[in-house]
Amino acid sequence: MIKTIKLKLDAIEGMLYYWQATSEKEKVGESYLVNITEFSGMDRLYGDDFTPESARKVLSAISNREMLNDSSKTERKFWNNNMWMLEDLEYTNTMVAPLKVLNLDDLVEKINSSVSDSKYEDVEVIFIPGHKEESYIDGNKVVINFFRVMPDIYGGDSVKIGEKELKSYIEEKIIEAVS
């Protein structure tokens, strides 16, 4: 039986500062970039072709307005996603705003009525700046690629990931994680 669902936006909050500072041509320190690579959930991004050093290198190149040399396809994807955020910070803030007010408490009862025997009592929903996958499930953690959040560009309240409404998407992923 699930008792709590915790929303973790640490990586996105850290990236908001990075995107804002970088757009204002401020230098973002290397130690800050290393910290970003260590946020909860970021480990789901790492593998043979994309490591914490890859993430740091990409973010450093963007911040320093340097070319990204000798990069892998995954590094270039991560670079493109982050450059997209810098192009229109107003849109970036539109993506973040619904996450900041997202309350998942009502999903506890709903999921408990759907799943008779949950593997976990506590679940974390973590948003990260990803590169490939829409989401990852790692034990009791549902890690969601922030770049897949799609707010209504016409000013409505609808927020989706893929074709699903945000909360429905999260509910589906939690059920998958705890079943």
N, C-alpha and C. Protein backbone atom coordinates (compact mmCIF):
# COMPACT_ATOMS: atom_id res chain seq x y z
N MET A 1 0.83 -1.18 0.00
CA MET A 1 0.00 0.00 0.00
C MET A 1 0.88 1.26 0.00
N ILE A 2 0.63 2.15 -0.93
CA ILE A 2 1.37 3.40 -1.02
C ILE A 2 0.89 4.34 0.08
N LYS A 3 1.86 4.97 0.76
CA LYS A 3 1.52 5.96 1.79
C LYS A 3 1.81 7.38 1.32
N THR A 4 2.91 7.55 0.58
CA THR A 4 3.26 8.90 0.12
C THR A 4 3.81 8.87 -1.31
N ILE A 5 3.56 9.97 -1.99
CA ILE A 5 4.16 10.22 -3.30
C ILE A 5 4.86 11.57 -3.19
N LYS A 6 6.17 11.56 -3.35
CA LYS A 6 6.96 12.78 -3.23
C LYS A 6 7.36 13.27 -4.61
N LEU A 7 7.16 14.55 -4.84
CA LEU A 7 7.56 15.19 -6.09
C LEU A 7 8.90 15.86 -5.88
N LYS A 8 9.87 15.54 -6.73
CA LYS A 8 11.21 16.11 -6.61
C LYS A 8 11.55 16.90 -7.87
N LEU A 9 11.74 18.19 -7.67
CA LEU A 9 12.06 19.09 -8.78
C LEU A 9 13.45 19.71 -8.63
N ASP A 10 14.29 19.13 -7.80
CA ASP A 10 15.61 19.69 -7.52
C ASP A 10 16.42 19.95 -8.81
N ALA A 11 16.47 18.96 -9.67
CA ALA A 11 17.25 19.10 -10.90
C ALA A 11 16.69 20.21 -11.78
N ILE A 12 15.38 20.32 -11.86
CA ILE A 12 14.77 21.35 -12.70
C ILE A 12 14.99 22.73 -12.09
N GLU A 13 14.89 22.84 -10.77
CA GLU A 13 15.17 24.12 -10.10
C GLU A 13 16.61 24.54 -10.38
N GLY A 14 17.53 23.58 -10.29
CA GLY A 14 18.93 23.87 -10.59
C GLY A 14 19.13 24.29 -12.04
N MET A 15 18.41 23.63 -12.93
CA MET A 15 18.52 23.97 -14.35
C MET A 15 17.90 25.34 -14.65
N LEU A 16 16.85 25.70 -13.94
CA LEU A 16 16.25 27.02 -14.14
C LEU A 16 17.27 28.12 -13.91
N TYR A 17 18.03 27.97 -12.81
CA TYR A 17 19.09 28.96 -12.57
C TYR A 17 20.10 28.92 -13.71
N TYR A 18 20.51 27.74 -14.11
CA TYR A 18 21.50 27.59 -15.18
C TYR A 18 21.01 28.26 -16.47
N TRP A 19 19.77 27.96 -16.87
CA TRP A 19 19.24 28.53 -18.11
C TRP A 19 19.14 30.05 -18.02
N GLN A 20 18.67 30.57 -16.89
CA GLN A 20 18.54 32.01 -16.71
C GLN A 20 19.91 32.69 -16.75
N ALA A 21 20.85 32.17 -15.98
CA ALA A 21 22.19 32.76 -15.93
C ALA A 21 22.86 32.69 -17.29
N THR A 22 22.73 31.55 -17.95
CA THR A 22 23.36 31.39 -19.27
C THR A 22 22.74 32.33 -20.29
N SER A 23 21.42 32.52 -20.24
CA SER A 23 20.76 33.43 -21.19
C SER A 23 21.19 34.88 -20.96
N GLU A 24 21.58 35.19 -19.72
CA GLU A 24 22.04 36.54 -19.39
C GLU A 24 23.55 36.67 -19.53
N LYS A 25 24.17 35.66 -20.16
CA LYS A 25 25.60 35.63 -20.43
C LYS A 25 26.46 35.65 -19.17
N GLU A 26 25.90 35.12 -18.08
CA GLU A 26 26.68 34.97 -16.85
C GLU A 26 27.42 33.64 -16.91
N LYS A 27 28.56 33.60 -16.30
CA LYS A 27 29.35 32.37 -16.23
C LYS A 27 28.77 31.48 -15.13
N VAL A 28 28.50 30.24 -15.45
CA VAL A 28 28.04 29.27 -14.47
C VAL A 28 29.25 28.40 -14.11
N GLY A 29 29.58 28.35 -12.84
CA GLY A 29 30.77 27.65 -12.38
C GLY A 29 30.73 26.16 -12.64
N GLU A 30 31.90 25.60 -12.83
CA GLU A 30 32.02 24.16 -13.10
C GLU A 30 31.51 23.33 -11.93
N SER A 31 31.73 23.80 -10.71
CA SER A 31 31.26 23.02 -9.54
C SER A 31 29.73 22.96 -9.53
N TYR A 32 29.08 24.03 -9.98
CA TYR A 32 27.62 24.02 -10.07
C TYR A 32 27.16 23.00 -11.11
N LEU A 33 27.86 22.94 -12.23
CA LEU A 33 27.51 21.98 -13.28
C LEU A 33 27.70 20.55 -12.80
N VAL A 34 28.75 20.31 -12.05
CA VAL A 34 28.98 18.97 -11.48
C VAL A 34 27.84 18.62 -10.54
N ASN A 35 27.41 19.58 -9.73
CA ASN A 35 26.28 19.34 -8.81
C ASN A 35 25.02 18.94 -9.57
N ILE A 36 24.77 19.59 -10.69
CA ILE A 36 23.60 19.26 -11.50
C ILE A 36 23.66 17.80 -11.94
N THR A 37 24.84 17.34 -12.34
CA THR A 37 24.98 15.96 -12.81
C THR A 37 24.74 14.94 -11.71
N GLU A 38 24.77 15.38 -10.46
CA GLU A 38 24.62 14.47 -9.32
C GLU A 38 23.22 14.49 -8.71
N PHE A 39 22.30 15.31 -9.24
CA PHE A 39 20.95 15.35 -8.69
C PHE A 39 20.27 14.00 -8.80
N SER A 40 19.35 13.76 -7.88
CA SER A 40 18.57 12.52 -7.85
C SER A 40 17.89 12.30 -9.20
N GLY A 41 18.02 11.10 -9.73
CA GLY A 41 17.40 10.74 -11.00
C GLY A 41 18.31 10.92 -12.20
N MET A 42 19.31 11.78 -12.09
CA MET A 42 20.19 12.02 -13.24
C MET A 42 20.97 10.76 -13.62
N ASP A 43 21.21 9.89 -12.65
CA ASP A 43 21.95 8.66 -12.93
C ASP A 43 21.26 7.79 -13.98
N ARG A 44 19.95 7.96 -14.14
CA ARG A 44 19.21 7.19 -15.15
C ARG A 44 19.63 7.56 -16.57
N LEU A 45 20.25 8.72 -16.73
CA LEU A 45 20.67 9.17 -18.06
C LEU A 45 21.99 8.56 -18.49
N TYR A 46 22.77 8.10 -17.53
CA TYR A 46 24.15 7.76 -17.81
C TYR A 46 24.32 6.33 -18.27
N GLY A 47 25.22 6.20 -19.21
CA GLY A 47 25.56 4.91 -19.79
C GLY A 47 26.87 5.05 -20.52
N ASP A 48 27.10 4.17 -21.50
CA ASP A 48 28.36 4.18 -22.23
C ASP A 48 28.56 5.45 -23.05
N ASP A 49 27.48 5.95 -23.67
CA ASP A 49 27.64 7.10 -24.57
C ASP A 49 27.27 8.44 -23.93
N PHE A 50 26.88 8.42 -22.63
CA PHE A 50 26.55 9.66 -21.94
C PHE A 50 26.80 9.46 -20.45
N THR A 51 27.82 10.14 -19.95
CA THR A 51 28.26 10.01 -18.56
C THR A 51 28.02 11.32 -17.82
N PRO A 52 28.24 11.35 -16.51
CA PRO A 52 28.15 12.63 -15.80
C PRO A 52 29.10 13.67 -16.41
N GLU A 53 30.27 13.20 -16.84
CA GLU A 53 31.23 14.13 -17.48
C GLU A 53 30.67 14.64 -18.81
N SER A 54 29.94 13.81 -19.53
CA SER A 54 29.29 14.25 -20.77
C SER A 54 28.31 15.39 -20.49
N ALA A 55 27.49 15.19 -19.46
CA ALA A 55 26.50 16.22 -19.10
C ALA A 55 27.20 17.51 -18.70
N ARG A 56 28.23 17.41 -17.87
CA ARG A 56 28.98 18.59 -17.46
C ARG A 56 29.60 19.30 -18.66
N LYS A 57 30.19 18.50 -19.56
CA LYS A 57 30.85 19.05 -20.74
C LYS A 57 29.87 19.81 -21.63
N VAL A 58 28.70 19.24 -21.84
CA VAL A 58 27.68 19.88 -22.67
C VAL A 58 27.21 21.18 -22.03
N LEU A 59 26.88 21.13 -20.74
CA LEU A 59 26.40 22.34 -20.06
C LEU A 59 27.48 23.41 -20.01
N SER A 60 28.72 23.01 -19.83
CA SER A 60 29.84 23.95 -19.82
C SER A 60 30.01 24.60 -21.19
N ALA A 61 29.93 23.80 -22.25
CA ALA A 61 30.07 24.35 -23.60
C ALA A 61 28.97 25.37 -23.89
N ILE A 62 27.76 25.08 -23.48
CA ILE A 62 26.65 26.01 -23.71
C ILE A 62 26.89 27.29 -22.93
N SER A 63 27.23 27.17 -21.67
CA SER A 63 27.44 28.33 -20.80
C SER A 63 28.60 29.19 -21.29
N ASN A 64 29.64 28.56 -21.80
CA ASN A 64 30.82 29.29 -22.27
C ASN A 64 30.74 29.66 -23.74
N ARG A 65 29.63 29.33 -24.38
CA ARG A 65 29.43 29.60 -25.80
C ARG A 65 30.56 29.03 -26.66
N GLU A 66 30.83 27.76 -26.37
CA GLU A 66 31.87 27.04 -27.11
C GLU A 66 31.22 25.98 -27.98
N MET A 67 31.95 25.57 -29.00
CA MET A 67 31.48 24.48 -29.85
C MET A 67 31.57 23.18 -29.07
N LEU A 68 30.67 22.27 -29.38
CA LEU A 68 30.67 20.95 -28.75
C LEU A 68 31.40 20.01 -29.70
N ASN A 69 32.68 19.80 -29.44
CA ASN A 69 33.52 18.98 -30.31
C ASN A 69 33.52 17.53 -29.88
N ASP A 70 33.72 16.64 -30.84
CA ASP A 70 33.84 15.20 -30.58
C ASP A 70 32.72 14.70 -29.68
N SER A 71 31.50 15.03 -30.03
CA SER A 71 30.37 14.66 -29.18
C SER A 71 29.63 13.44 -29.75
N SER A 72 29.00 12.72 -28.84
CA SER A 72 28.18 11.57 -29.24
C SER A 72 26.80 12.08 -29.65
N LYS A 73 26.03 11.21 -30.25
CA LYS A 73 24.67 11.55 -30.64
C LYS A 73 23.84 11.95 -29.41
N THR A 74 24.03 11.25 -28.31
CA THR A 74 23.30 11.53 -27.08
C THR A 74 23.71 12.88 -26.50
N GLU A 75 24.99 13.20 -26.54
CA GLU A 75 25.45 14.51 -26.07
C GLU A 75 24.84 15.63 -26.92
N ARG A 76 24.78 15.42 -28.22
CA ARG A 76 24.18 16.44 -29.11
C ARG A 76 22.69 16.61 -28.82
N LYS A 77 21.99 15.51 -28.51
CA LYS A 77 20.58 15.58 -28.15
C LYS A 77 20.40 16.39 -26.86
N PHE A 78 21.23 16.12 -25.87
CA PHE A 78 21.19 16.85 -24.61
C PHE A 78 21.50 18.33 -24.85
N TRP A 79 22.46 18.61 -25.70
CA TRP A 79 22.81 19.99 -26.07
C TRP A 79 21.60 20.67 -26.72
N ASN A 80 20.97 20.00 -27.68
CA ASN A 80 19.80 20.58 -28.37
C ASN A 80 18.66 20.87 -27.40
N ASN A 81 18.37 19.94 -26.50
CA ASN A 81 17.30 20.14 -25.52
C ASN A 81 17.56 21.37 -24.66
N ASN A 82 18.79 21.52 -24.20
CA ASN A 82 19.12 22.66 -23.35
C ASN A 82 19.14 23.97 -24.14
N MET A 83 19.58 23.94 -25.36
CA MET A 83 19.55 25.15 -26.20
C MET A 83 18.11 25.58 -26.45
N TRP A 84 17.21 24.61 -26.60
CA TRP A 84 15.79 24.90 -26.80
C TRP A 84 15.24 25.69 -25.61
N MET A 85 15.65 25.31 -24.40
CA MET A 85 15.19 26.03 -23.20
C MET A 85 15.68 27.47 -23.20
N LEU A 86 16.88 27.67 -23.70
CA LEU A 86 17.47 29.01 -23.72
C LEU A 86 16.84 29.92 -24.77
N GLU A 87 16.29 29.34 -25.82
CA GLU A 87 15.69 30.13 -26.90
C GLU A 87 14.50 30.94 -26.44
N ASP A 88 13.72 30.39 -25.52
CA ASP A 88 12.50 31.07 -25.07
C ASP A 88 12.25 30.75 -23.60
N LEU A 89 12.85 31.55 -22.73
CA LEU A 89 12.71 31.29 -21.29
C LEU A 89 11.27 31.43 -20.82
N GLU A 90 10.48 32.21 -21.53
CA GLU A 90 9.07 32.32 -21.16
C GLU A 90 8.36 30.97 -21.35
N TYR A 91 8.67 30.30 -22.45
CA TYR A 91 8.11 28.97 -22.68
C TYR A 91 8.64 27.97 -21.63
N THR A 92 9.93 28.07 -21.32
CA THR A 92 10.52 27.22 -20.29
C THR A 92 9.76 27.39 -18.98
N ASN A 93 9.50 28.63 -18.60
CA ASN A 93 8.76 28.90 -17.37
C ASN A 93 7.33 28.37 -17.45
N THR A 94 6.75 28.37 -18.65
CA THR A 94 5.42 27.80 -18.85
C THR A 94 5.45 26.29 -18.63
N MET A 95 6.56 25.66 -18.96
CA MET A 95 6.72 24.22 -18.73
C MET A 95 6.89 23.91 -17.25
N VAL A 96 7.61 24.79 -16.54
CA VAL A 96 7.91 24.56 -15.14
C VAL A 96 6.73 24.89 -14.23
N ALA A 97 5.98 25.93 -14.56
CA ALA A 97 4.91 26.43 -13.68
C ALA A 97 3.94 25.34 -13.20
N PRO A 98 3.41 24.49 -14.08
CA PRO A 98 2.47 23.48 -13.59
C PRO A 98 3.13 22.43 -12.69
N LEU A 99 4.42 22.23 -12.85
CA LEU A 99 5.12 21.26 -12.00
C LEU A 99 5.27 21.80 -10.58
N LYS A 100 5.50 23.11 -10.48
CA LYS A 100 5.70 23.72 -9.17
C LYS A 100 4.44 23.66 -8.30
N VAL A 101 3.29 23.58 -8.91
CA VAL A 101 2.03 23.54 -8.15
C VAL A 101 1.38 22.15 -8.19
N LEU A 102 2.08 21.20 -8.75
CA LEU A 102 1.55 19.85 -8.91
C LEU A 102 1.41 19.17 -7.54
N ASN A 103 0.21 18.71 -7.24
CA ASN A 103 -0.06 18.01 -6.00
C ASN A 103 -0.48 16.59 -6.36
N LEU A 104 0.27 15.63 -5.88
CA LEU A 104 0.02 14.23 -6.21
C LEU A 104 -0.65 13.45 -5.08
N ASP A 105 -1.02 14.14 -4.01
CA ASP A 105 -1.63 13.47 -2.85
C ASP A 105 -2.87 12.67 -3.21
N ASP A 106 -3.68 13.21 -4.11
CA ASP A 106 -4.92 12.52 -4.47
C ASP A 106 -4.68 11.22 -5.24
N LEU A 107 -3.47 11.04 -5.76
CA LEU A 107 -3.17 9.81 -6.49
C LEU A 107 -2.95 8.62 -5.56
N VAL A 108 -2.59 8.88 -4.30
CA VAL A 108 -2.33 7.79 -3.37
C VAL A 108 -3.53 6.86 -3.26
N GLU A 109 -4.67 7.43 -2.94
CA GLU A 109 -5.88 6.61 -2.80
C GLU A 109 -6.28 5.97 -4.12
N LYS A 110 -6.17 6.73 -5.17
CA LYS A 110 -6.54 6.23 -6.50
C LYS A 110 -5.68 5.02 -6.90
N ILE A 111 -4.38 5.14 -6.68
CA ILE A 111 -3.46 4.04 -7.04
C ILE A 111 -3.67 2.85 -6.11
N ASN A 112 -3.87 3.11 -4.83
CA ASN A 112 -4.12 2.01 -3.89
C ASN A 112 -5.37 1.23 -4.24
N SER A 113 -6.37 1.89 -4.82
CA SER A 113 -7.58 1.17 -5.22
C SER A 113 -7.35 0.38 -6.51
N SER A 114 -6.33 0.74 -7.28
CA SER A 114 -6.01 0.04 -8.53
C SER A 114 -5.03 -1.11 -8.33
N VAL A 115 -4.12 -0.94 -7.37
CA VAL A 115 -3.07 -1.92 -7.13
C VAL A 115 -3.29 -2.54 -5.76
N SER A 116 -3.57 -3.81 -5.75
CA SER A 116 -3.92 -4.46 -4.48
C SER A 116 -2.72 -4.65 -3.55
N ASP A 117 -1.55 -4.90 -4.11
CA ASP A 117 -0.38 -5.16 -3.27
C ASP A 117 0.83 -4.43 -3.82
N SER A 118 1.02 -3.19 -3.40
CA SER A 118 2.13 -2.37 -3.87
C SER A 118 3.45 -2.86 -3.30
N LYS A 119 4.49 -2.79 -4.11
CA LYS A 119 5.83 -3.18 -3.67
C LYS A 119 6.43 -2.13 -2.73
N TYR A 120 5.91 -0.90 -2.77
CA TYR A 120 6.51 0.21 -2.03
C TYR A 120 5.46 1.01 -1.26
N GLU A 121 5.90 1.58 -0.15
CA GLU A 121 5.04 2.49 0.60
C GLU A 121 5.25 3.93 0.16
N ASP A 122 6.48 4.25 -0.22
CA ASP A 122 6.82 5.60 -0.66
C ASP A 122 7.30 5.58 -2.10
N VAL A 123 6.81 6.54 -2.86
CA VAL A 123 7.18 6.66 -4.27
C VAL A 123 7.70 8.08 -4.51
N GLU A 124 8.73 8.20 -5.33
CA GLU A 124 9.24 9.51 -5.72
C GLU A 124 8.99 9.71 -7.20
N VAL A 125 8.51 10.89 -7.54
CA VAL A 125 8.36 11.30 -8.93
C VAL A 125 9.39 12.41 -9.13
N ILE A 126 10.36 12.15 -9.99
CA ILE A 126 11.50 13.06 -10.16
C ILE A 126 11.53 13.55 -11.60
N PHE A 127 11.60 14.86 -11.78
CA PHE A 127 11.75 15.45 -13.11
C PHE A 127 13.21 15.82 -13.31
N ILE A 128 13.76 15.42 -14.45
CA ILE A 128 15.16 15.71 -14.79
C ILE A 128 15.24 16.24 -16.22
N PRO A 129 16.33 16.94 -16.55
CA PRO A 129 16.54 17.34 -17.94
C PRO A 129 17.14 16.17 -18.71
N GLY A 130 16.32 15.41 -19.38
CA GLY A 130 16.77 14.19 -20.03
C GLY A 130 17.27 14.39 -21.45
N HIS A 131 17.47 13.28 -22.13
CA HIS A 131 17.92 13.35 -23.51
C HIS A 131 17.11 12.43 -24.42
N LYS A 132 16.88 11.20 -24.05
CA LYS A 132 16.22 10.26 -24.96
C LYS A 132 14.83 9.86 -24.48
N GLU A 133 14.80 9.08 -23.44
CA GLU A 133 13.56 8.44 -22.99
C GLU A 133 12.59 9.44 -22.37
N GLU A 134 11.32 9.11 -22.48
CA GLU A 134 10.27 9.92 -21.88
C GLU A 134 10.26 9.77 -20.37
N SER A 135 10.54 8.56 -19.89
CA SER A 135 10.58 8.31 -18.45
C SER A 135 11.38 7.04 -18.18
N TYR A 136 11.74 6.89 -16.91
CA TYR A 136 12.47 5.73 -16.44
C TYR A 136 11.82 5.28 -15.14
N ILE A 137 11.80 4.00 -14.90
CA ILE A 137 11.33 3.49 -13.62
C ILE A 137 12.52 2.79 -12.97
N ASP A 138 12.81 3.21 -11.75
CA ASP A 138 13.94 2.68 -11.01
C ASP A 138 13.48 2.39 -9.59
N GLY A 139 13.00 1.17 -9.37
CA GLY A 139 12.45 0.82 -8.06
C GLY A 139 11.23 1.65 -7.74
N ASN A 140 11.31 2.39 -6.65
CA ASN A 140 10.18 3.23 -6.25
C ASN A 140 10.28 4.65 -6.83
N LYS A 141 11.15 4.84 -7.78
CA LYS A 141 11.33 6.16 -8.40
C LYS A 141 10.80 6.16 -9.83
N VAL A 142 9.97 7.15 -10.13
CA VAL A 142 9.53 7.40 -11.49
C VAL A 142 10.25 8.67 -11.93
N VAL A 143 11.15 8.52 -12.88
CA VAL A 143 11.99 9.63 -13.35
C VAL A 143 11.46 10.06 -14.71
N ILE A 144 11.06 11.33 -14.80
CA ILE A 144 10.41 11.84 -16.01
C ILE A 144 11.29 12.89 -16.66
N ASN A 145 11.42 12.78 -17.97
CA ASN A 145 12.18 13.73 -18.77
C ASN A 145 11.41 15.05 -18.86
N PHE A 146 11.92 16.08 -18.23
CA PHE A 146 11.29 17.40 -18.23
C PHE A 146 11.03 17.92 -19.64
N PHE A 147 11.91 17.63 -20.56
CA PHE A 147 11.79 18.15 -21.93
C PHE A 147 10.58 17.58 -22.66
N ARG A 148 9.94 16.59 -22.09
CA ARG A 148 8.73 16.01 -22.70
C ARG A 148 7.44 16.63 -22.16
N VAL A 149 7.55 17.55 -21.20
CA VAL A 149 6.38 18.25 -20.67
C VAL A 149 5.89 19.23 -21.72
N MET A 150 4.60 19.13 -22.06
CA MET A 150 4.02 19.99 -23.11
C MET A 150 2.84 20.79 -22.55
N PRO A 151 3.10 22.06 -22.20
CA PRO A 151 1.99 22.89 -21.75
C PRO A 151 1.14 23.32 -22.95
N ASP A 152 -0.06 23.76 -22.67
CA ASP A 152 -0.95 24.25 -23.72
C ASP A 152 -0.41 25.59 -24.21
N ILE A 153 0.03 25.64 -25.46
CA ILE A 153 0.62 26.87 -25.99
C ILE A 153 -0.41 27.98 -26.21
N TYR A 154 -1.68 27.63 -26.07
CA TYR A 154 -2.74 28.63 -26.25
C TYR A 154 -3.22 29.17 -24.92
N GLY A 155 -2.49 28.87 -23.84
CA GLY A 155 -2.81 29.44 -22.54
C GLY A 155 -3.78 28.66 -21.70
N GLY A 156 -4.18 27.48 -22.14
CA GLY A 156 -5.09 26.66 -21.34
C GLY A 156 -4.35 25.98 -20.20
N ASP A 157 -5.07 25.25 -19.39
CA ASP A 157 -4.48 24.58 -18.24
C ASP A 157 -3.94 23.19 -18.56
N SER A 158 -4.18 22.72 -19.76
CA SER A 158 -3.78 21.37 -20.14
C SER A 158 -2.26 21.24 -20.22
N VAL A 159 -1.73 20.23 -19.56
CA VAL A 159 -0.31 19.90 -19.63
C VAL A 159 -0.24 18.41 -19.94
N LYS A 160 0.56 18.07 -20.93
CA LYS A 160 0.65 16.67 -21.35
C LYS A 160 2.08 16.19 -21.42
N ILE A 161 2.20 14.89 -21.40
CA ILE A 161 3.43 14.21 -21.76
C ILE A 161 3.00 13.20 -22.79
N GLY A 162 3.52 13.33 -23.98
CA GLY A 162 3.03 12.51 -25.08
C GLY A 162 1.59 12.87 -25.33
N GLU A 163 0.73 11.90 -25.41
CA GLU A 163 -0.69 12.13 -25.64
C GLU A 163 -1.52 12.14 -24.36
N LYS A 164 -0.85 11.95 -23.22
CA LYS A 164 -1.57 11.83 -21.95
C LYS A 164 -1.48 13.11 -21.12
N GLU A 165 -2.57 13.37 -20.39
CA GLU A 165 -2.59 14.47 -19.44
C GLU A 165 -1.55 14.15 -18.36
N LEU A 166 -0.87 15.18 -17.85
CA LEU A 166 0.27 15.01 -16.95
C LEU A 166 -0.02 14.11 -15.76
N LYS A 167 -1.08 14.38 -15.03
CA LYS A 167 -1.37 13.57 -13.84
C LYS A 167 -1.72 12.13 -14.20
N SER A 168 -2.43 11.94 -15.29
CA SER A 168 -2.75 10.59 -15.75
C SER A 168 -1.48 9.84 -16.13
N TYR A 169 -0.57 10.53 -16.78
CA TYR A 169 0.70 9.95 -17.16
C TYR A 169 1.47 9.49 -15.92
N ILE A 170 1.54 10.39 -14.92
CA ILE A 170 2.26 10.07 -13.69
C ILE A 170 1.59 8.89 -12.97
N GLU A 171 0.28 8.89 -12.92
CA GLU A 171 -0.46 7.80 -12.29
C GLU A 171 -0.12 6.47 -12.97
N GLU A 172 -0.12 6.46 -14.28
CA GLU A 172 0.17 5.25 -15.03
C GLU A 172 1.57 4.74 -14.73
N LYS A 173 2.52 5.65 -14.67
CA LYS A 173 3.91 5.26 -14.40
C LYS A 173 4.10 4.76 -12.98
N ILE A 174 3.41 5.38 -12.03
CA ILE A 174 3.52 4.91 -10.64
C ILE A 174 2.93 3.50 -10.52
N ILE A 175 1.80 3.27 -11.16
CA ILE A 175 1.20 1.94 -11.14
C ILE A 175 2.17 0.92 -11.73
N GLU A 176 2.82 1.28 -12.81
CA GLU A 176 3.82 0.41 -13.41
C GLU A 176 4.97 0.14 -12.44
N ALA A 177 5.39 1.15 -11.70
CA ALA A 177 6.51 1.01 -10.77
C ALA A 177 6.18 0.16 -9.56
N VAL A 178 4.96 0.28 -9.04
CA VAL A 178 4.61 -0.39 -7.79
C VAL A 178 3.99 -1.78 -7.99
N SER A 179 3.62 -2.10 -9.21
CA SER A 179 2.96 -3.39 -9.47
C SER A 179 3.95 -4.53 -9.56
